C-alpha atoms as a PDB file:
ATOM      1  CA  MET A   1      -7.838 -11.651  -9.334  1.00  0.00           C
ATOM      2  CA  GLU A   2      -6.726 -12.874  -5.554  1.00  0.00           C
ATOM      3  CA  GLN A   3      -8.351 -12.082  -2.465  1.00  0.00           C
ATOM      4  CA  ARG A   4      -6.898  -9.600  -0.303  1.00  0.00           C
ATOM      5  CA  ARG A   5      -6.944  -9.957   3.372  1.00  0.00           C
ATOM      6  CA  TRP A   6      -5.622  -7.377   6.226  1.00  0.00           C
ATOM      7  CA  ILE A   7      -2.302  -9.004   7.231  1.00  0.00           C
ATOM      8  CA  SER A   8      -0.848  -6.361  10.005  1.00  0.00           C
ATOM      9  CA  ASN A   9      -0.859  -2.777  10.833  1.00  0.00           C
ATOM     10  CA  GLN A  10       2.562  -2.607   9.135  1.00  0.00           C
ATOM     11  CA  LEU A  11       1.736  -4.610   5.691  1.00  0.00           C
ATOM     12  CA  MET A  12      -1.869  -3.333   5.524  1.00  0.00           C
ATOM     13  CA  PHE A  13      -3.022  -5.785   2.984  1.00  0.00           C
ATOM     14  CA  TRP A  14      -0.189  -6.392   1.196  1.00  0.00           C
ATOM     15  CA  ALA A  15       2.865  -9.037   1.642  1.00  0.00           C
ATOM     16  CA  SER A  16       6.446  -7.774   2.225  1.00  0.00           C
ATOM     17  CA  HIS A  17       7.449  -8.548  -1.695  1.00  0.00           C
ATOM     18  CA  GLU A  18       4.601  -6.448  -2.891  1.00  0.00           C
ATOM     19  CA  TRP A  19       5.970  -3.430  -0.677  1.00  0.00           C
ATOM     20  CA  ASP A  20       9.628  -4.148  -2.336  1.00  0.00           C
ATOM     21  CA  GLN A  21       7.738  -4.030  -5.374  1.00  0.00           C
ATOM     22  CA  ALA A  22       5.929  -0.837  -5.042  1.00  0.00           C
ATOM     23  CA  TYR A  23       9.355   0.583  -3.314  1.00  0.00           C
ATOM     24  CA  ARG A  24      11.622  -0.144  -6.415  1.00  0.00           C
ATOM     25  CA  ALA A  25       8.642   1.057  -8.880  1.00  0.00           C
ATOM     26  CA  CYS A  26       8.380   4.479  -7.063  1.00  0.00           C
ATOM     27  CA  SER A  27      11.970   5.100  -6.755  1.00  0.00           C
ATOM     28  CA  GLN A  28      12.609   4.578 -10.372  1.00  0.00           C
ATOM     29  CA  ALA A  29       9.469   6.788 -11.406  1.00  0.00           C
ATOM     30  CA  ASP A  30      10.546   9.547  -9.348  1.00  0.00           C
ATOM     31  CA  PRO A  31      14.407  10.383  -9.035  1.00  0.00           C
ATOM     32  CA  GLY A  32      13.248  12.655  -5.921  1.00  0.00           C
ATOM     33  CA  PHE A  33      11.644   9.791  -4.160  1.00  0.00           C
ATOM     34  CA  GLY A  34      14.335   9.381  -1.495  1.00  0.00           C
ATOM     35  CA  THR A  35      13.961  13.058  -0.575  1.00  0.00           C
ATOM     36  CA  LEU A  36      10.403  12.906  -0.178  1.00  0.00           C
ATOM     37  CA  SER A  37       8.585  12.733   3.520  1.00  0.00           C
ATOM     38  CA  GLY A  38       7.757   9.241   4.694  1.00  0.00           C
ATOM     39  CA  THR A  39       4.477  10.227   4.377  1.00  0.00           C
ATOM     40  CA  GLU A  40       4.779  11.071   0.653  1.00  0.00           C
ATOM     41  CA  GLN A  41       6.773   7.615   0.396  1.00  0.00           C
ATOM     42  CA  VAL A  42       3.934   5.705   1.656  1.00  0.00           C
ATOM     43  CA  THR A  43       1.551   7.396  -0.479  1.00  0.00           C
ATOM     44  CA  CYS A  44       3.128   7.018  -3.367  1.00  0.00           C
ATOM     45  CA  MET A  45       3.557   2.999  -2.550  1.00  0.00           C
ATOM     46  CA  ILE A  46       0.023   2.675  -1.620  1.00  0.00           C
ATOM     47  CA  GLY A  47      -1.163   4.182  -4.826  1.00  0.00           C
ATOM     48  CA  TRP A  48       1.287   2.035  -6.800  1.00  0.00           C
ATOM     49  CA  LEU A  49      -0.010  -0.943  -4.605  1.00  0.00           C
ATOM     50  CA  MET A  50      -3.852  -0.338  -5.155  1.00  0.00           C
ATOM     51  CA  ASN A  51      -3.125   0.070  -8.814  1.00  0.00           C
ATOM     52  CA  SER A  52      -1.108  -3.367  -8.851  1.00  0.00           C
ATOM     53  CA  TYR A  53      -2.670  -5.420  -6.351  1.00  0.00           C
ATOM     54  CA  PRO A  54      -6.114  -3.630  -5.894  1.00  0.00           C
ATOM     55  CA  VAL A  55      -8.284  -4.195  -2.752  1.00  0.00           C
ATOM     56  CA  PRO A  56     -12.291  -3.820  -2.889  1.00  0.00           C
ATOM     57  CA  ARG A  57     -13.543  -0.866  -1.449  1.00  0.00           C
ATOM     58  CA  GLU A  58     -15.936  -2.915   0.966  1.00  0.00           C
ATOM     59  CA  LEU A  59     -12.434  -4.686   2.593  1.00  0.00           C
ATOM     60  CA  ILE A  60     -11.199  -1.113   3.416  1.00  0.00           C
ATOM     61  CA  ASP A  61     -14.371  -0.147   4.878  1.00  0.00           C
ATOM     62  CA  GLU A  62     -14.674  -3.139   6.805  1.00  0.00           C
ATOM     63  CA  ARG A  63     -11.329  -2.455   8.229  1.00  0.00           C
ATOM     64  CA  LYS A  64     -12.010   1.113   8.806  1.00  0.00           C
ATOM     65  CA  ARG A  65     -15.290  -0.255  10.987  1.00  0.00           C
ATOM     66  CA  LYS A  66     -12.939  -2.342  13.057  1.00  0.00           C
ATOM     67  CA  VAL A  67      -9.983   0.593  13.633  1.00  0.00           C
ATOM     68  CA  ARG A  68     -12.896   3.118  14.893  1.00  0.00           C
ATOM     69  CA  ALA A  69     -14.678   0.339  17.367  1.00  0.00           C
END
């Protein structure tokens, strides 16, 4: 498994092509995806990304600590 790193506030731990894959997968799986709120769409995509390109819990916790500091 590839080691993940924080990319940016917009991309988080995933590259833009991975976000594109997530968008396509969510919109194909849910015909109403386009009518969901932005938050609901992002939640779906992050769920797909975590299943496809997992990020270790330690990296997520480390990032949370940096944001709160």
